[in-house]
Amino acid sequence: MQIKKDDTVVVISGKDKGKKGKVLKAMPKEDKIIVEGVNIQTKHQKQTRKLHSEIKHQEGPIHVSNVMFYDSKAKAPTRIGYKIEGGTKKRVSKKTGQVLD
């Protein structure tokens, strides 16, 4: 999976198409990510002895194929490639050719 935690991504399909946000959590085994402010879901918290009932709004997971990495230099979404430099594998922006990590 090419998208990692703390990357900025743009949603390219679905109900939140065009939104930009930071990746809060990456789940590579399921190929899903949680993006800040995208795919907001409503959860109803049942009342207990210690907690009041409330309605929570939180981000849900979306599939990694529905987002693209946002390149801040090009100010546009871009694909990610890989390059080996000095024996280590680095992520590279396909638009600008700049090393991301």
N, C-alpha and C. Protein backbone atom coordinates (compact mmCIF):
# COMPACT_ATOMS: atom_id res chain seq x y z
N MET A 1 0.85 -1.17 0.00
CA MET A 1 0.00 0.00 0.00
C MET A 1 0.90 1.24 0.00
N GLN A 2 0.62 2.18 -0.90
CA GLN A 2 1.50 3.32 -1.10
C GLN A 2 1.16 4.52 -0.21
N ILE A 3 -0.05 4.55 0.35
CA ILE A 3 -0.46 5.65 1.21
C ILE A 3 -0.14 5.29 2.65
N LYS A 4 0.45 6.24 3.38
CA LYS A 4 0.83 6.00 4.78
C LYS A 4 0.17 7.03 5.70
N LYS A 5 0.29 6.80 6.99
CA LYS A 5 -0.25 7.72 7.99
C LYS A 5 0.41 9.09 7.84
N ASP A 6 -0.36 10.16 8.06
CA ASP A 6 0.07 11.56 7.99
C ASP A 6 0.30 12.06 6.57
N ASP A 7 -0.03 11.27 5.53
CA ASP A 7 0.00 11.77 4.16
C ASP A 7 -1.25 12.61 3.92
N THR A 8 -1.16 13.56 3.01
CA THR A 8 -2.33 14.32 2.58
C THR A 8 -2.84 13.69 1.30
N VAL A 9 -4.14 13.39 1.27
CA VAL A 9 -4.72 12.71 0.13
C VAL A 9 -5.96 13.46 -0.36
N VAL A 10 -6.35 13.18 -1.61
CA VAL A 10 -7.56 13.72 -2.22
C VAL A 10 -8.45 12.54 -2.58
N VAL A 11 -9.74 12.63 -2.24
CA VAL A 11 -10.69 11.57 -2.58
C VAL A 11 -11.06 11.74 -4.05
N ILE A 12 -10.94 10.66 -4.83
CA ILE A 12 -11.18 10.74 -6.27
C ILE A 12 -12.50 10.08 -6.69
N SER A 13 -13.18 9.39 -5.77
CA SER A 13 -14.47 8.81 -6.11
C SER A 13 -15.31 8.62 -4.85
N GLY A 14 -16.63 8.57 -5.04
CA GLY A 14 -17.54 8.39 -3.93
C GLY A 14 -18.25 9.67 -3.55
N LYS A 15 -18.98 9.61 -2.43
CA LYS A 15 -19.80 10.76 -2.03
C LYS A 15 -18.97 11.96 -1.59
N ASP A 16 -17.72 11.74 -1.19
CA ASP A 16 -16.85 12.83 -0.73
C ASP A 16 -15.80 13.20 -1.77
N LYS A 17 -16.10 12.98 -3.06
CA LYS A 17 -15.15 13.25 -4.13
C LYS A 17 -14.69 14.71 -4.11
N GLY A 18 -13.38 14.91 -4.20
CA GLY A 18 -12.80 16.25 -4.23
C GLY A 18 -12.32 16.74 -2.88
N LYS A 19 -12.69 16.07 -1.79
CA LYS A 19 -12.25 16.50 -0.46
C LYS A 19 -10.80 16.11 -0.24
N LYS A 20 -10.12 16.97 0.53
CA LYS A 20 -8.71 16.77 0.83
C LYS A 20 -8.58 16.60 2.34
N GLY A 21 -7.72 15.69 2.79
CA GLY A 21 -7.52 15.51 4.22
C GLY A 21 -6.29 14.70 4.54
N LYS A 22 -5.97 14.66 5.83
CA LYS A 22 -4.80 13.95 6.31
C LYS A 22 -5.21 12.52 6.70
N VAL A 23 -4.35 11.56 6.43
CA VAL A 23 -4.62 10.17 6.78
C VAL A 23 -4.38 10.01 8.28
N LEU A 24 -5.43 9.60 9.00
CA LEU A 24 -5.33 9.40 10.44
C LEU A 24 -4.85 8.00 10.79
N LYS A 25 -5.28 7.01 10.00
CA LYS A 25 -4.93 5.62 10.28
C LYS A 25 -4.88 4.86 8.97
N ALA A 26 -3.89 3.99 8.83
CA ALA A 26 -3.76 3.13 7.65
C ALA A 26 -3.91 1.68 8.09
N MET A 27 -4.73 0.93 7.36
CA MET A 27 -4.95 -0.49 7.66
C MET A 27 -4.56 -1.31 6.42
N PRO A 28 -3.27 -1.65 6.28
CA PRO A 28 -2.80 -2.29 5.06
C PRO A 28 -3.36 -3.69 4.82
N LYS A 29 -3.71 -4.41 5.86
CA LYS A 29 -4.25 -5.76 5.67
C LYS A 29 -5.61 -5.73 4.99
N GLU A 30 -6.41 -4.68 5.28
CA GLU A 30 -7.73 -4.54 4.66
C GLU A 30 -7.70 -3.60 3.46
N ASP A 31 -6.56 -2.97 3.15
CA ASP A 31 -6.43 -1.97 2.09
C ASP A 31 -7.37 -0.80 2.31
N LYS A 32 -7.51 -0.35 3.56
CA LYS A 32 -8.39 0.78 3.88
C LYS A 32 -7.61 1.81 4.68
N ILE A 33 -8.10 3.06 4.61
CA ILE A 33 -7.53 4.14 5.39
C ILE A 33 -8.65 4.97 5.98
N ILE A 34 -8.32 5.72 7.04
CA ILE A 34 -9.26 6.67 7.63
C ILE A 34 -8.69 8.06 7.40
N VAL A 35 -9.50 8.91 6.71
CA VAL A 35 -9.06 10.25 6.34
C VAL A 35 -9.85 11.26 7.15
N GLU A 36 -9.17 12.29 7.63
CA GLU A 36 -9.79 13.33 8.45
C GLU A 36 -10.85 14.09 7.66
N GLY A 37 -12.09 14.10 8.18
CA GLY A 37 -13.19 14.85 7.57
C GLY A 37 -13.86 14.17 6.39
N VAL A 38 -13.55 12.90 6.13
CA VAL A 38 -14.11 12.18 4.99
C VAL A 38 -14.86 10.96 5.48
N ASN A 39 -15.99 10.64 4.83
CA ASN A 39 -16.83 9.49 5.16
C ASN A 39 -17.30 9.56 6.62
N ILE A 40 -17.94 10.66 6.97
CA ILE A 40 -18.43 10.87 8.33
C ILE A 40 -19.62 9.95 8.58
N GLN A 41 -19.55 9.18 9.65
CA GLN A 41 -20.61 8.25 10.03
C GLN A 41 -21.19 8.66 11.37
N THR A 42 -22.47 8.37 11.57
CA THR A 42 -23.15 8.71 12.81
C THR A 42 -23.22 7.47 13.69
N LYS A 43 -22.77 7.59 14.92
CA LYS A 43 -22.82 6.50 15.89
C LYS A 43 -23.66 6.96 17.08
N HIS A 44 -24.59 6.13 17.51
CA HIS A 44 -25.43 6.44 18.66
C HIS A 44 -24.84 5.75 19.89
N GLN A 45 -24.48 6.56 20.91
CA GLN A 45 -23.92 6.04 22.15
C GLN A 45 -25.06 5.77 23.12
N LYS A 46 -25.19 4.53 23.54
CA LYS A 46 -26.26 4.17 24.47
C LYS A 46 -25.90 4.66 25.87
N GLN A 47 -26.90 5.03 26.64
CA GLN A 47 -26.67 5.55 27.99
C GLN A 47 -26.29 4.41 28.93
N THR A 48 -25.30 4.68 29.76
CA THR A 48 -24.88 3.75 30.81
C THR A 48 -24.93 4.49 32.13
N ARG A 49 -24.51 3.83 33.19
CA ARG A 49 -24.52 4.50 34.49
C ARG A 49 -23.53 5.66 34.55
N LYS A 50 -22.45 5.53 33.81
CA LYS A 50 -21.40 6.56 33.86
C LYS A 50 -21.48 7.55 32.69
N LEU A 51 -22.01 7.15 31.54
CA LEU A 51 -22.03 7.99 30.35
C LEU A 51 -23.45 8.33 29.94
N HIS A 52 -23.63 9.55 29.46
CA HIS A 52 -24.92 9.97 28.92
C HIS A 52 -25.04 9.47 27.48
N SER A 53 -26.26 9.37 27.00
CA SER A 53 -26.45 9.01 25.60
C SER A 53 -26.11 10.22 24.73
N GLU A 54 -25.53 9.95 23.58
CA GLU A 54 -25.17 11.03 22.66
C GLU A 54 -25.03 10.47 21.25
N ILE A 55 -25.04 11.38 20.30
CA ILE A 55 -24.82 11.01 18.90
C ILE A 55 -23.43 11.50 18.52
N LYS A 56 -22.58 10.55 18.12
CA LYS A 56 -21.20 10.87 17.75
C LYS A 56 -21.06 10.85 16.24
N HIS A 57 -20.24 11.75 15.72
CA HIS A 57 -19.91 11.77 14.30
C HIS A 57 -18.42 11.48 14.18
N GLN A 58 -18.09 10.39 13.47
CA GLN A 58 -16.69 10.01 13.34
C GLN A 58 -16.40 9.53 11.92
N GLU A 59 -15.12 9.56 11.57
CA GLU A 59 -14.70 9.16 10.24
C GLU A 59 -14.72 7.64 10.11
N GLY A 60 -15.19 7.17 8.97
CA GLY A 60 -15.19 5.74 8.68
C GLY A 60 -14.09 5.42 7.69
N PRO A 61 -13.74 4.14 7.57
CA PRO A 61 -12.68 3.75 6.64
C PRO A 61 -13.16 3.79 5.19
N ILE A 62 -12.24 4.14 4.29
CA ILE A 62 -12.52 4.08 2.86
C ILE A 62 -11.40 3.29 2.19
N HIS A 63 -11.70 2.73 1.03
CA HIS A 63 -10.71 1.92 0.33
C HIS A 63 -9.61 2.81 -0.24
N VAL A 64 -8.40 2.31 -0.21
CA VAL A 64 -7.23 3.09 -0.62
C VAL A 64 -7.26 3.41 -2.12
N SER A 65 -8.01 2.64 -2.92
CA SER A 65 -8.08 2.91 -4.36
C SER A 65 -8.93 4.14 -4.66
N ASN A 66 -9.69 4.64 -3.68
CA ASN A 66 -10.54 5.80 -3.88
C ASN A 66 -9.85 7.12 -3.55
N VAL A 67 -8.56 7.09 -3.24
CA VAL A 67 -7.82 8.31 -2.92
C VAL A 67 -6.52 8.35 -3.71
N MET A 68 -5.99 9.58 -3.86
CA MET A 68 -4.67 9.79 -4.47
C MET A 68 -3.85 10.69 -3.57
N PHE A 69 -2.55 10.48 -3.57
CA PHE A 69 -1.64 11.31 -2.80
C PHE A 69 -1.67 12.74 -3.35
N TYR A 70 -1.72 13.73 -2.44
CA TYR A 70 -1.72 15.14 -2.84
C TYR A 70 -0.31 15.68 -2.74
N ASP A 71 0.23 16.10 -3.87
CA ASP A 71 1.58 16.65 -3.92
C ASP A 71 1.50 18.15 -3.67
N SER A 72 2.10 18.62 -2.59
CA SER A 72 2.02 20.04 -2.23
C SER A 72 2.84 20.93 -3.18
N LYS A 73 3.88 20.39 -3.79
CA LYS A 73 4.69 21.17 -4.74
C LYS A 73 3.91 21.42 -6.04
N ALA A 74 3.28 20.37 -6.57
CA ALA A 74 2.52 20.48 -7.81
C ALA A 74 1.11 20.99 -7.57
N LYS A 75 0.68 20.99 -6.31
CA LYS A 75 -0.67 21.39 -5.92
C LYS A 75 -1.73 20.60 -6.70
N ALA A 76 -1.48 19.30 -6.82
CA ALA A 76 -2.39 18.42 -7.55
C ALA A 76 -2.20 16.98 -7.06
N PRO A 77 -3.21 16.14 -7.23
CA PRO A 77 -3.04 14.73 -6.89
C PRO A 77 -2.06 14.06 -7.85
N THR A 78 -1.30 13.12 -7.35
CA THR A 78 -0.29 12.46 -8.16
C THR A 78 -0.17 10.99 -7.77
N ARG A 79 0.39 10.22 -8.69
CA ARG A 79 0.67 8.82 -8.39
C ARG A 79 2.02 8.74 -7.68
N ILE A 80 2.27 7.59 -7.06
CA ILE A 80 3.50 7.39 -6.31
C ILE A 80 4.29 6.25 -6.95
N GLY A 81 5.58 6.48 -7.14
CA GLY A 81 6.48 5.45 -7.63
C GLY A 81 7.55 5.18 -6.59
N TYR A 82 8.42 4.26 -6.90
CA TYR A 82 9.49 3.91 -5.97
C TYR A 82 10.84 4.00 -6.67
N LYS A 83 11.86 4.39 -5.88
CA LYS A 83 13.23 4.50 -6.38
C LYS A 83 14.15 3.99 -5.28
N ILE A 84 15.19 3.29 -5.68
CA ILE A 84 16.16 2.78 -4.70
C ILE A 84 17.36 3.72 -4.69
N GLU A 85 17.61 4.33 -3.52
CA GLU A 85 18.73 5.24 -3.34
C GLU A 85 19.58 4.76 -2.17
N GLY A 86 20.81 4.45 -2.44
CA GLY A 86 21.72 4.04 -1.39
C GLY A 86 21.27 2.77 -0.66
N GLY A 87 20.63 1.87 -1.38
CA GLY A 87 20.19 0.62 -0.77
C GLY A 87 18.87 0.70 -0.03
N THR A 88 18.23 1.86 -0.03
CA THR A 88 16.93 1.99 0.63
C THR A 88 15.87 2.37 -0.40
N LYS A 89 14.67 1.87 -0.19
CA LYS A 89 13.56 2.12 -1.10
C LYS A 89 12.84 3.40 -0.68
N LYS A 90 12.70 4.34 -1.60
CA LYS A 90 12.08 5.65 -1.31
C LYS A 90 10.84 5.82 -2.18
N ARG A 91 9.85 6.53 -1.64
CA ARG A 91 8.66 6.89 -2.41
C ARG A 91 8.94 8.16 -3.20
N VAL A 92 8.48 8.20 -4.45
CA VAL A 92 8.76 9.32 -5.34
C VAL A 92 7.46 9.76 -6.00
N SER A 93 7.25 11.07 -6.08
CA SER A 93 6.10 11.64 -6.77
C SER A 93 6.31 11.50 -8.28
N LYS A 94 5.29 11.00 -8.98
CA LYS A 94 5.40 10.81 -10.43
C LYS A 94 5.33 12.14 -11.17
N LYS A 95 4.65 13.15 -10.62
CA LYS A 95 4.54 14.45 -11.31
C LYS A 95 5.81 15.27 -11.21
N THR A 96 6.36 15.39 -9.99
CA THR A 96 7.52 16.25 -9.79
C THR A 96 8.83 15.49 -9.71
N GLY A 97 8.79 14.20 -9.44
CA GLY A 97 10.02 13.41 -9.30
C GLY A 97 10.70 13.61 -7.96
N GLN A 98 10.05 14.28 -7.04
CA GLN A 98 10.63 14.58 -5.73
C GLN A 98 10.46 13.39 -4.78
N VAL A 99 11.47 13.13 -3.96
CA VAL A 99 11.40 12.06 -2.97
C VAL A 99 10.48 12.49 -1.83
N LEU A 100 9.54 11.62 -1.45
CA LEU A 100 8.54 11.97 -0.43
C LEU A 100 9.02 11.66 0.99
N ASP A 101 9.73 10.55 1.17
CA ASP A 101 10.20 10.20 2.53
C ASP A 101 11.65 10.59 2.67
